[in-house]
Protein backbone atom coordinates (compact mmCIF):
# COMPACT_ATOMS: atom_id res chain seq x y z
CA MET A 1 145.85 19.81 210.34
CA GLU A 2 143.38 19.46 207.80
CA ALA A 3 143.54 23.72 207.85
CA LEU A 4 146.73 23.32 206.74
CA ILE A 5 146.57 20.96 204.33
CA TYR A 6 143.37 23.20 203.16
CA VAL A 7 145.72 26.13 203.14
CA VAL A 8 148.42 23.92 201.18
CA LEU A 9 145.98 23.09 198.24
CA VAL A 10 144.73 26.41 198.10
CA ALA A 11 148.12 27.78 197.49
CA LEU A 12 148.82 25.26 195.39
CA GLY A 13 146.39 25.61 192.93
CA ALA A 14 146.35 29.42 192.91
CA GLY A 15 150.22 28.63 191.25
CA VAL A 16 148.57 26.29 189.10
CA GLY A 17 145.77 28.53 188.03
CA CYS A 18 148.55 31.30 187.86
CA LEU A 19 151.00 29.44 185.11
CA LEU A 20 147.93 27.72 183.31
CA TYR A 21 146.72 31.78 183.16
CA LYS A 22 150.30 32.83 182.17
CA LYS A 23 151.06 29.81 178.91
CA PHE A 24 146.90 30.98 177.63
CA THR A 25 147.97 34.49 177.43
CA GLU A 26 151.34 33.46 175.48
CA LYS A 27 149.07 31.64 173.42
CA SER A 28 146.52 34.43 172.28
CA ASN A 29 149.33 36.95 172.02
CA ASP A 30 151.22 34.40 169.57
CA VAL A 31 147.66 33.74 167.45
CA SER A 32 147.03 37.86 167.48
CA ARG A 33 150.74 38.82 166.45
CA LYS A 34 150.33 35.83 163.22
CA GLU A 35 147.21 36.99 162.48
CA ALA A 36 147.99 40.71 162.20
CA GLU A 37 151.39 39.75 160.46
CA LEU A 38 149.13 37.90 157.76
CA MET A 39 146.50 40.87 157.38
CA VAL A 40 149.71 43.28 157.34
CA SER A 41 150.92 40.66 154.02
CA GLU A 42 147.29 40.76 152.56
CA ALA A 43 147.16 44.52 153.08
CA ARG A 44 150.78 44.63 151.14
CA LYS A 45 149.72 42.26 148.49
CA GLU A 46 146.36 44.37 147.94
CA ALA A 47 148.67 47.68 147.30
CA ASP A 48 150.51 45.89 145.12
CA LEU A 49 147.49 45.05 143.26
CA LEU A 50 146.26 48.53 143.09
CA ARG A 51 149.78 49.78 142.51
CA LYS A 52 149.88 47.47 139.36
CA GLU A 53 146.20 48.40 138.24
CA ALA A 54 146.75 52.38 138.23
CA THR A 55 150.02 51.85 136.40
CA LEU A 56 148.03 50.02 133.99
CA GLN A 57 145.58 52.64 133.55
CA ALA A 58 147.53 55.42 133.28
CA LYS A 59 149.60 53.41 130.70
CA ASP A 60 146.23 53.50 128.73
CA VAL A 61 145.63 56.65 129.43
CA VAL A 62 148.54 57.84 127.99
CA MET A 63 148.73 55.79 125.11
CA LYS A 64 144.98 56.84 124.09
CA ALA A 65 146.38 60.57 124.22
CA LYS A 66 148.90 59.78 122.23
CA SER A 67 146.85 57.86 119.70
CA ASP A 68 144.22 61.02 119.91
CA PHE A 69 146.82 63.22 119.43
CA GLU A 70 148.63 61.09 116.53
CA SER A 71 145.26 60.95 115.08
CA ASP A 72 144.53 64.68 115.11
CA MET A 73 147.75 65.62 113.73
CA VAL A 74 147.20 63.25 110.90
CA GLU A 75 143.73 65.22 110.08
CA ARG A 76 144.95 68.83 110.64
CA ARG A 77 148.01 67.28 107.67
CA LYS A 78 145.39 66.00 105.28
CA GLU A 79 143.19 69.48 106.08
CA ALA A 80 146.49 71.67 105.24
CA GLN A 81 147.07 69.20 102.15
CA VAL A 82 143.46 70.21 101.10
CA GLN A 83 143.96 74.37 101.52
CA GLU A 84 147.50 73.59 100.14
CA LYS A 85 145.74 71.97 96.66
CA ARG A 86 142.89 74.94 96.71
CA LEU A 87 144.79 77.65 96.89
CA LEU A 88 147.35 76.07 94.23
CA THR A 89 144.28 75.59 92.12
CA LYS A 90 143.12 79.20 92.77
CA GLU A 91 146.76 80.40 91.84
CA GLU A 92 146.79 78.13 88.67
CA ASN A 93 143.02 79.57 87.78
CA GLN A 94 144.24 83.55 88.75
CA GLU A 95 147.22 82.68 86.38
CA ARG A 96 145.11 81.47 83.44
CA ARG A 97 142.65 84.23 83.40
CA GLY A 98 145.65 86.98 83.95
CA ASP A 99 146.83 84.97 80.38
CA ASN A 100 143.08 85.60 79.17
CA LEU A 101 142.65 89.06 79.99
CA ASP A 102 146.52 89.67 78.25
CA LYS A 103 144.90 87.73 75.04
CA LYS A 104 141.96 89.85 75.47
CA GLU A 105 143.44 93.18 75.69
CA GLY A 106 145.46 92.01 73.04
CA ASP A 107 142.75 90.56 70.82
CA LEU A 108 140.68 94.58 71.56
CA SER A 109 143.39 96.38 70.46
CA ARG A 110 143.74 94.56 67.20
CA ARG A 111 139.94 95.44 66.72
CA GLU A 112 140.78 98.73 67.77
CA GLN A 113 142.99 99.58 64.94
CA SER A 114 141.26 97.24 62.73
CA LEU A 115 137.98 99.54 63.06
CA SER A 116 140.18 102.61 63.04
CA GLN A 117 141.61 101.29 59.97
CA ARG A 118 137.83 100.80 58.46
CA ASP A 119 136.88 104.42 59.49
CA LYS A 120 139.73 105.61 57.33
CA ASN A 121 138.59 103.45 54.62
CA VAL A 122 135.05 104.58 54.81
CA LEU A 123 135.68 107.86 55.16
CA VAL A 124 137.50 108.24 52.06
CA LYS A 125 134.96 105.71 50.24
CA GLU A 126 132.37 108.57 51.02
CA LYS A 127 134.70 111.14 49.77
CA GLU A 128 134.78 109.10 46.54
CA VAL A 129 130.91 108.55 46.49
CA GLN A 130 129.85 112.36 47.21
CA THR A 131 132.63 113.45 44.15
CA VAL A 132 130.92 110.71 41.94
CA LEU A 133 127.46 111.94 42.81
CA GLN A 134 128.62 115.25 41.90
CA GLN A 135 129.82 114.63 39.14
CA GLU A 136 126.69 113.00 38.16
CA ARG A 137 124.35 116.06 39.64
CA ASP A 138 127.07 117.98 37.28
CA LYS A 139 126.31 115.79 34.13
CA LEU A 140 122.09 115.62 34.80
CA GLU A 141 122.32 119.74 35.13
CA SER A 142 124.40 120.41 32.10
CA ILE A 143 122.24 117.72 29.87
CA ALA A 144 118.85 118.84 31.43
CA GLY A 145 119.45 122.60 31.54
CA LEU A 146 118.33 123.04 35.11
CA THR A 147 120.19 123.36 38.14
CA GLN A 148 118.84 121.15 41.09
CA SER A 149 116.84 123.47 42.87
CA ASP A 150 115.24 124.22 39.76
CA ALA A 151 114.26 120.50 39.06
CA LYS A 152 113.24 120.36 42.73
CA ASP A 153 110.25 123.46 42.34
CA THR A 154 109.40 121.58 39.12
CA LEU A 155 108.86 118.41 39.93
CA MET A 156 107.14 120.16 43.32
CA LYS A 157 104.81 122.17 41.51
CA LEU A 158 103.90 118.89 39.61
CA MET A 159 102.98 117.00 42.35
CA GLU A 160 101.02 119.94 43.51
CA ASP A 161 99.23 120.72 40.65
CA ALA A 162 98.26 116.59 40.23
CA ALA A 163 97.85 116.63 44.55
CA LYS A 164 95.05 119.94 44.17
CA HIS A 165 93.16 118.05 41.03
CA GLU A 166 92.83 114.63 42.95
CA SER A 167 91.50 116.84 46.22
CA ALA A 168 88.79 118.15 43.90
CA LYS A 169 87.70 115.37 42.78
CA ARG A 170 87.63 113.99 45.82
CA VAL A 171 86.31 116.73 47.83
CA LYS A 172 83.43 116.85 44.94
CA GLN A 173 82.91 113.11 45.34
CA ILE A 174 82.60 113.56 48.89
CA GLU A 175 80.14 116.41 48.68
CA ASP A 176 78.21 114.39 46.24
CA GLU A 177 77.97 111.77 49.01
CA ALA A 178 76.93 113.70 52.01
CA LYS A 179 74.49 115.41 50.44
CA GLU A 180 72.49 112.43 49.70
CA THR A 181 73.05 111.21 53.74
CA ALA A 182 73.72 114.61 55.04
CA GLU A 183 71.04 115.08 57.69
CA LYS A 184 71.36 110.54 58.73
CA ARG A 185 74.86 110.86 59.38
CA ALA A 186 74.96 113.97 60.94
CA VAL A 187 72.16 112.92 63.63
CA LYS A 188 74.03 109.92 64.06
CA ILE A 189 77.29 111.59 64.58
CA ILE A 190 75.73 113.76 67.00
CA ALA A 191 74.06 110.75 68.66
CA GLN A 192 77.12 109.03 69.61
CA ALA A 193 78.91 111.81 70.43
CA VAL A 194 76.61 112.76 73.05
CA GLN A 195 76.39 108.52 74.00
CA ARG A 196 80.23 108.65 74.36
CA TYR A 197 80.76 111.95 76.15
CA ALA A 198 78.05 113.71 77.79
CA GLY A 199 76.87 110.50 79.14
CA ASP A 200 80.08 109.48 81.05
CA TYR A 201 80.92 112.79 81.77
CA ALA A 202 77.72 114.79 82.62
CA THR A 203 75.29 112.85 83.60
CA GLU A 204 76.84 110.45 85.78
CA ARG A 205 79.78 112.91 86.65
CA THR A 206 77.78 115.32 87.87
CA VAL A 207 73.82 114.92 87.66
CA SER A 208 71.82 112.65 89.78
CA VAL A 209 68.18 111.50 88.85
CA VAL A 210 65.64 110.26 91.20
CA ASN A 211 62.39 108.46 89.91
CA LEU A 212 59.16 109.65 91.03
CA PRO A 213 55.96 107.51 91.52
CA GLY A 214 53.91 110.23 89.59
CA ASP A 215 54.17 113.59 88.29
CA ASP A 216 51.41 115.04 90.81
CA MET A 217 54.94 114.34 92.98
CA LYS A 218 56.77 117.35 91.49
CA GLY A 219 54.13 120.04 92.93
CA ARG A 220 54.58 118.30 96.45
CA ILE A 221 58.36 118.84 95.81
CA ILE A 222 58.43 122.12 94.40
CA GLY A 223 55.30 123.42 97.43
CA ARG A 224 53.64 126.42 97.95
CA GLU A 225 54.80 129.21 96.04
CA GLY A 226 58.41 127.25 95.48
CA ARG A 227 58.87 127.07 98.97
CA ASN A 228 59.77 123.36 99.73
CA ILE A 229 62.13 123.63 96.21
CA ARG A 230 63.96 126.31 98.17
CA ALA A 231 64.55 124.74 101.67
CA ILE A 232 65.89 121.35 100.02
CA GLU A 233 68.41 123.55 97.45
CA ALA A 234 68.92 125.84 101.28
CA ALA A 235 70.07 122.83 103.19
CA THR A 236 71.63 121.09 100.49
CA GLY A 237 73.25 123.36 98.26
CA VAL A 238 72.25 121.46 95.49
CA ASP A 239 70.50 122.42 92.11
CA LEU A 240 67.14 120.79 91.78
CA ILE A 241 66.00 120.77 88.18
CA ILE A 242 62.00 119.87 87.76
CA ASP A 243 61.33 119.77 84.10
CA ASP A 244 59.20 118.15 81.47
CA THR A 245 61.31 114.99 82.47
CA PRO A 246 58.07 112.38 82.96
CA GLU A 247 58.27 110.75 86.89
CA ALA A 248 62.34 112.20 87.28
CA VAL A 249 63.48 114.90 89.53
CA ILE A 250 67.02 115.96 87.99
CA ILE A 251 69.69 116.69 90.94
CA SER A 252 73.14 118.68 89.33
CA SER A 253 75.81 119.77 91.84
CA PHE A 254 79.55 119.27 91.36
CA ASP A 255 79.89 118.35 94.98
CA PRO A 256 79.67 114.51 95.15
CA VAL A 257 78.79 114.54 98.47
CA ARG A 258 75.87 117.23 98.65
CA ARG A 259 74.26 115.09 95.72
CA ALA A 260 74.28 112.37 98.07
CA VAL A 261 73.02 113.81 100.68
CA ALA A 262 70.15 115.82 98.37
CA LYS A 263 69.77 112.47 96.72
CA HIS A 264 68.78 110.09 99.33
CA ALA A 265 66.85 112.95 101.27
CA LEU A 266 64.57 113.16 98.49
CA GLU A 267 63.94 109.86 98.04
CA ARG A 268 62.97 109.45 101.71
CA LEU A 269 60.97 112.49 101.76
CA ILE A 270 58.98 110.94 98.67
CA THR A 271 58.77 107.63 100.24
CA ASP A 272 57.15 109.23 103.42
CA GLY A 273 54.73 111.84 101.74
CA ARG A 274 55.65 114.52 104.63
CA ILE A 275 57.26 117.31 102.83
CA HIS A 276 57.54 120.58 104.24
CA PRO A 277 60.73 122.98 105.22
CA ALA A 278 61.13 121.39 108.53
CA ARG A 279 60.44 118.23 107.75
CA ILE A 280 62.90 118.49 105.12
CA GLU A 281 65.73 120.16 107.55
CA GLU A 282 65.16 117.07 109.65
CA VAL A 283 65.89 114.05 106.96
CA VAL A 284 68.82 116.23 105.46
CA ASN A 285 70.12 116.28 108.91
CA LYS A 286 69.35 112.77 109.27
CA VAL A 287 70.83 111.46 105.88
CA GLN A 288 74.13 113.96 106.43
CA GLY A 289 74.83 111.59 109.62
CA GLU A 290 74.38 108.57 107.43
CA ILE A 291 76.50 109.62 104.79
CA ASP A 292 79.17 110.19 107.34
CA GLN A 293 78.76 106.89 108.54
CA THR A 294 78.74 105.62 105.13
CA ILE A 295 82.34 107.27 104.60
CA LYS A 296 84.01 105.54 107.79
CA ASP A 297 82.36 102.35 105.90
CA ALA A 298 84.54 103.00 102.76
CA GLY A 299 87.68 103.94 104.50
CA GLU A 300 87.48 100.75 106.86
CA LYS A 301 86.91 98.20 103.57
CA ALA A 302 89.73 100.10 102.06
CA ILE A 303 91.90 99.25 105.32
CA PHE A 304 90.62 95.86 104.89
CA ASP A 305 90.76 94.78 101.16
CA LEU A 306 94.26 95.86 101.07
CA GLY A 307 95.59 94.43 104.33
CA ILE A 308 97.01 97.42 106.42
CA HIS A 309 96.31 97.43 110.21
CA GLY A 310 97.52 100.10 112.64
CA MET A 311 96.59 103.17 110.60
CA ASN A 312 94.48 106.09 112.72
CA PRO A 313 91.08 106.44 112.72
CA GLU A 314 91.07 109.61 111.44
CA LEU A 315 92.75 109.00 108.59
CA ILE A 316 90.38 106.27 108.00
CA ARG A 317 88.03 108.73 107.91
CA MET A 318 89.79 110.67 105.17
CA ILE A 319 90.04 107.50 103.36
CA GLY A 320 86.29 107.23 103.22
CA ARG A 321 86.23 110.97 102.29
CA LEU A 322 88.04 110.47 99.25
CA LYS A 323 85.16 108.37 97.94
CA TYR A 324 83.08 111.34 97.12
CA ARG A 325 86.32 113.60 95.34
CA THR A 326 87.12 113.44 92.29
CA SER A 327 90.14 114.67 90.22
CA TYR A 328 89.75 115.28 85.93
CA THR A 329 86.31 113.04 86.66
CA GLN A 330 88.37 110.22 88.33
CA ASN A 331 87.09 109.48 91.63
CA ILE A 332 89.79 109.20 93.69
CA TYR A 333 89.06 106.26 96.32
CA GLU A 334 89.31 104.03 93.71
CA HIS A 335 92.30 105.62 91.99
CA SER A 336 93.91 105.55 95.47
CA LEU A 337 93.41 101.73 95.69
CA GLU A 338 94.13 101.21 92.38
CA VAL A 339 97.47 103.22 92.91
CA ALA A 340 97.84 101.07 96.61
CA PHE A 341 97.38 97.64 94.51
CA ILE A 342 100.17 98.62 91.85
CA CYS A 343 102.46 99.73 94.47
CA GLY A 344 102.22 96.57 96.32
CA MET A 345 102.54 94.25 93.13
CA MET A 346 105.45 96.62 91.99
CA ALA A 347 107.26 96.43 95.16
CA ASP A 348 107.04 92.25 95.46
CA GLU A 349 108.78 92.65 92.23
CA LEU A 350 111.74 94.61 93.43
CA LYS A 351 112.04 92.67 96.83
CA LEU A 352 110.79 95.69 98.70
CA SER A 353 107.83 95.80 101.75
CA ASN A 354 104.39 94.98 100.17
CA LYS A 355 102.73 96.77 102.64
CA MET A 356 104.33 99.81 103.21
CA ALA A 357 104.19 100.39 99.27
CA ARG A 358 100.55 99.49 99.83
CA ARG A 359 99.86 101.73 103.04
CA ALA A 360 101.91 104.91 100.90
CA GLY A 361 99.73 104.15 97.70
CA LEU A 362 96.77 104.70 99.64
CA LEU A 363 97.29 107.88 101.30
CA HIS A 364 99.30 109.29 98.45
CA ASP A 365 96.42 111.42 97.55
CA ILE A 366 94.90 111.46 100.96
CA GLY A 367 95.30 115.98 100.97
CA LYS A 368 92.32 115.90 98.68
CA ALA A 369 90.34 114.84 101.11
CA MET A 370 90.64 118.27 102.28
CA ASP A 371 92.95 120.60 99.80
CA HIS A 372 89.49 122.61 99.36
CA GLU A 373 89.62 123.45 103.16
CA ILE A 374 93.34 124.27 103.08
CA GLU A 375 95.84 126.68 101.15
CA GLY A 376 98.52 124.35 99.33
CA SER A 377 99.36 121.61 97.00
CA HIS A 378 97.65 118.21 98.16
CA ALA A 379 101.20 116.61 98.36
CA VAL A 380 102.13 118.82 101.39
CA ILE A 381 98.57 119.08 102.98
CA GLY A 382 98.49 114.99 102.42
CA ALA A 383 102.08 114.70 103.80
CA ASP A 384 101.66 116.90 106.78
CA PHE A 385 98.28 115.52 107.91
CA ALA A 386 99.76 111.97 107.63
CA ARG A 387 102.81 113.01 109.55
CA ARG A 388 100.54 114.50 112.66
CA TYR A 389 98.52 111.19 112.85
CA GLY A 390 101.68 108.86 113.34
CA GLU A 391 102.41 107.70 109.62
CA SER A 392 106.01 106.46 109.87
CA PRO A 393 108.89 109.02 107.70
CA GLU A 394 109.34 106.46 104.76
CA ILE A 395 104.84 106.89 104.01
CA VAL A 396 105.81 110.82 104.55
CA GLN A 397 107.84 111.67 102.36
CA ALA A 398 106.46 108.98 99.34
CA ILE A 399 103.18 110.75 99.89
CA GLU A 400 105.08 114.41 99.92
CA ALA A 401 107.40 113.44 96.94
CA HIS A 402 104.75 111.81 94.46
CA HIS A 403 104.44 115.02 92.67
CA ASN A 404 108.20 116.58 93.07
CA ASP A 405 107.43 119.08 95.97
CA VAL A 406 110.42 117.24 97.70
CA GLU A 407 113.15 115.71 96.37
CA ILE A 408 112.79 111.91 95.98
CA LYS A 409 115.24 109.89 98.53
CA HIS A 410 113.82 106.29 98.74
CA PRO A 411 112.59 103.88 96.34
CA LEU A 412 108.82 103.85 97.99
CA ASP A 413 108.64 107.44 96.31
CA VAL A 414 109.55 106.24 92.84
CA LEU A 415 107.07 103.06 92.98
CA VAL A 416 104.12 105.96 94.39
CA GLN A 417 104.76 107.95 91.29
CA ALA A 418 105.05 105.46 89.29
CA ALA A 419 101.49 103.95 90.24
CA ASP A 420 100.04 107.28 90.41
CA ALA A 421 100.88 108.02 86.75
CA LEU A 422 99.64 104.29 85.69
CA SER A 423 96.37 104.97 87.52
CA GLY A 424 95.92 107.96 85.76
CA ALA A 425 97.24 107.68 82.22
CA ARG A 426 95.15 104.96 81.39
CA PRO A 427 92.68 105.11 78.28
CA GLY A 428 89.34 106.98 79.62
CA ALA A 429 90.28 107.42 83.64
CA ARG A 430 90.65 111.13 83.15
CA LYS A 431 89.00 114.24 81.78
CA GLU A 432 90.19 117.60 82.66
CA MET A 433 87.86 119.79 81.71
CA LEU A 434 85.45 118.71 84.69
CA ASP A 435 88.23 119.30 86.98
CA ALA A 436 89.04 122.69 85.79
CA TYR A 437 84.86 123.29 86.06
CA ILE A 438 84.94 122.27 89.97
CA LYS A 439 87.55 124.15 90.30
CA ARG A 440 85.80 127.33 89.31
CA LEU A 441 82.29 126.31 90.85
CA GLU A 442 85.00 125.79 94.17
CA ALA A 443 86.24 129.27 93.39
CA LEU A 444 83.26 130.91 92.81
CA GLU A 445 81.74 129.13 96.55
CA ASP A 446 85.06 130.29 98.35
CA ILE A 447 84.90 133.63 97.15
CA GLY A 448 81.60 133.93 98.86
CA ASN A 449 82.22 132.37 102.49
CA SER A 450 85.20 135.29 102.25
CA PHE A 451 82.78 137.61 102.75
CA LYS A 452 82.14 138.50 107.04
CA GLY A 453 78.39 137.42 107.72
CA VAL A 454 77.98 134.74 105.08
CA GLU A 455 76.83 131.37 106.17
CA LYS A 456 77.17 129.07 103.37
CA THR A 457 77.45 129.63 99.25
CA PHE A 458 76.35 127.50 96.80
CA ALA A 459 77.42 127.50 93.35
CA ILE A 460 74.62 126.19 91.52
CA GLN A 461 73.28 125.88 87.41
CA ALA A 462 76.74 125.08 86.01
CA GLY A 463 78.46 128.04 88.06
CA ARG A 464 76.07 130.71 86.80
CA ASP A 465 74.09 131.21 89.41
CA VAL A 466 75.47 132.08 93.04
CA ARG A 467 73.66 131.74 95.96
CA VAL A 468 74.83 133.18 99.25
CA MET A 469 73.25 132.71 102.62
CA VAL A 470 73.73 135.04 105.31
CA ASN A 471 72.70 135.42 109.12
CA HIS A 472 70.13 137.73 109.21
CA GLU A 473 71.47 139.02 112.87
CA ASN A 474 74.51 140.47 111.53
CA ILE A 475 73.01 141.47 107.70
CA SER A 476 70.54 143.35 107.22
CA ASP A 477 68.17 144.07 104.06
CA GLU A 478 70.10 147.10 102.69
CA ASP A 479 73.80 145.19 103.48
CA ALA A 480 72.61 142.14 101.70
CA VAL A 481 72.38 144.80 98.31
CA VAL A 482 75.59 145.84 98.82
CA LEU A 483 77.23 142.25 100.23
CA SER A 484 76.17 141.13 96.40
CA ARG A 485 77.24 143.62 94.36
CA ASP A 486 80.64 143.62 96.40
CA ILE A 487 80.69 139.63 95.76
CA ALA A 488 80.09 140.24 92.04
CA GLY A 489 83.23 142.53 92.15
CA LYS A 490 85.43 140.34 93.46
CA ILE A 491 84.32 137.42 90.90
CA GLU A 492 84.87 139.80 88.00
CA LYS A 493 88.42 141.00 89.44
CA GLU A 494 89.99 137.61 90.43
CA LEU A 495 88.07 134.88 88.22
CA THR A 496 87.55 134.39 84.31
CA TYR A 497 84.47 132.48 83.00
CA PRO A 498 82.06 132.57 79.75
CA GLY A 499 79.11 134.61 79.63
CA GLN A 500 77.72 135.97 83.30
CA ILE A 501 77.51 135.16 86.62
CA ARG A 502 74.08 135.67 89.27
CA VAL A 503 74.79 136.29 92.45
CA THR A 504 71.96 135.90 94.57
CA VAL A 505 71.78 136.70 98.18
CA ILE A 506 69.23 135.15 100.82
CA ARG A 507 68.20 136.89 104.17
CA GLU A 508 65.85 134.34 106.05
CA THR A 509 63.85 134.82 109.41
CA ARG A 510 62.68 132.21 111.34
CA ALA A 511 60.25 132.09 114.47
CA PHE A 512 59.78 129.09 116.21
CA THR A 513 56.83 129.11 119.06
CA MET A 514 55.72 125.72 120.74
CA ALA A 515 51.82 125.12 121.09
CA LYS A 516 51.34 123.71 124.90
């Protein structure tokens, strides 16, 4: 019974639990449904808000774009109006100019007509004047009883007689004054002429003076039987003049390089005190090397002073060689620098390249550094040399055209021509006589060097003496006599010169042995 009651209670509890569970479940579903509906409603509200906001933003964008478009159109209309006004103004100006031109043409035509009329009137007046003058001449001739040509002859004769009388009186007066002061004035005039001409031309240009510590040094320079002076002249190619001038020796040569080498070598020998042929040759060779270095330094200084860069070292060396070259007694190195600076200044005024102008001016006479070695115009020689060492076509053209050897093609060509003329034409810059003298001496040396077996040829004594150094192995004593005659004959045939020229062929044999 108790068991049955227990079973009934258990079944009853299970049924009640199932009923309670069902009700709880239904209640939970109702709550979840209400929450879901609430969430959907809120989502719809948010979507509506977002849609409304998007719609408002789209409207704002459209309104802004429309406003920008309208403002842009307004600006464009304004610009179009401004352009239209400008065009209208230009048209009005063109019309006014056209009217002015028409007026000017009318004025010109009227002036031309007026001038032509004036010309006609002038011609008429001239004819009337000529007629009146002829009538007056006829009257004067009838009154004087002389024709116009007879009157001129009579007047000229009277004037000549008067002039002769005055000139005779003046000559007599001058002669009387000259007799009183003739000697003093003659000495003064000669002294002034020597100072103004010979000092600048002969002494400074072709002669160097070496000061001696005493006159006894002259004997040491001459040496036993003149061997030292012969060695100096043979090694340097200069003429060493030892005369009565106290404590001084004169070095004469048309070649400035030889003269510089001889001067420095002689000064060094005098300071050293050891003067003999072997020492002379050693010193001359050493000084020659130093002169070569001086030439290089001069070229580099010119490049630095002008602010030019990137030039081939061989061109720089040739520029330095110009320091020892002259043209009509004008130093070519200084002349080239002067031309370069003038070219640069003119290029600045014409808005051309200053550096290109200076470069062309510096190199324009580079051919003169080698024109004694190569046949042809120095302009053509210099242009070929500059082209070979990498100069630009404009520079080469300016060098070749500065004496019109080729056609002028560039403004730089005209600048170099003008600067060259300015530098050479200034008062005192050049003297033609020395240049002709130097060319004659160079021609003498070239004739001597043209013969086979000749090592060196030196023209000395102002071209009156030509010394020819020959190789003793190729030329015998008998051949030396024949060679001197052949050289003299060629000089007589090819050159024109005053006086006589002595040709001396020197054949020397030397033997050296070392004592150990």
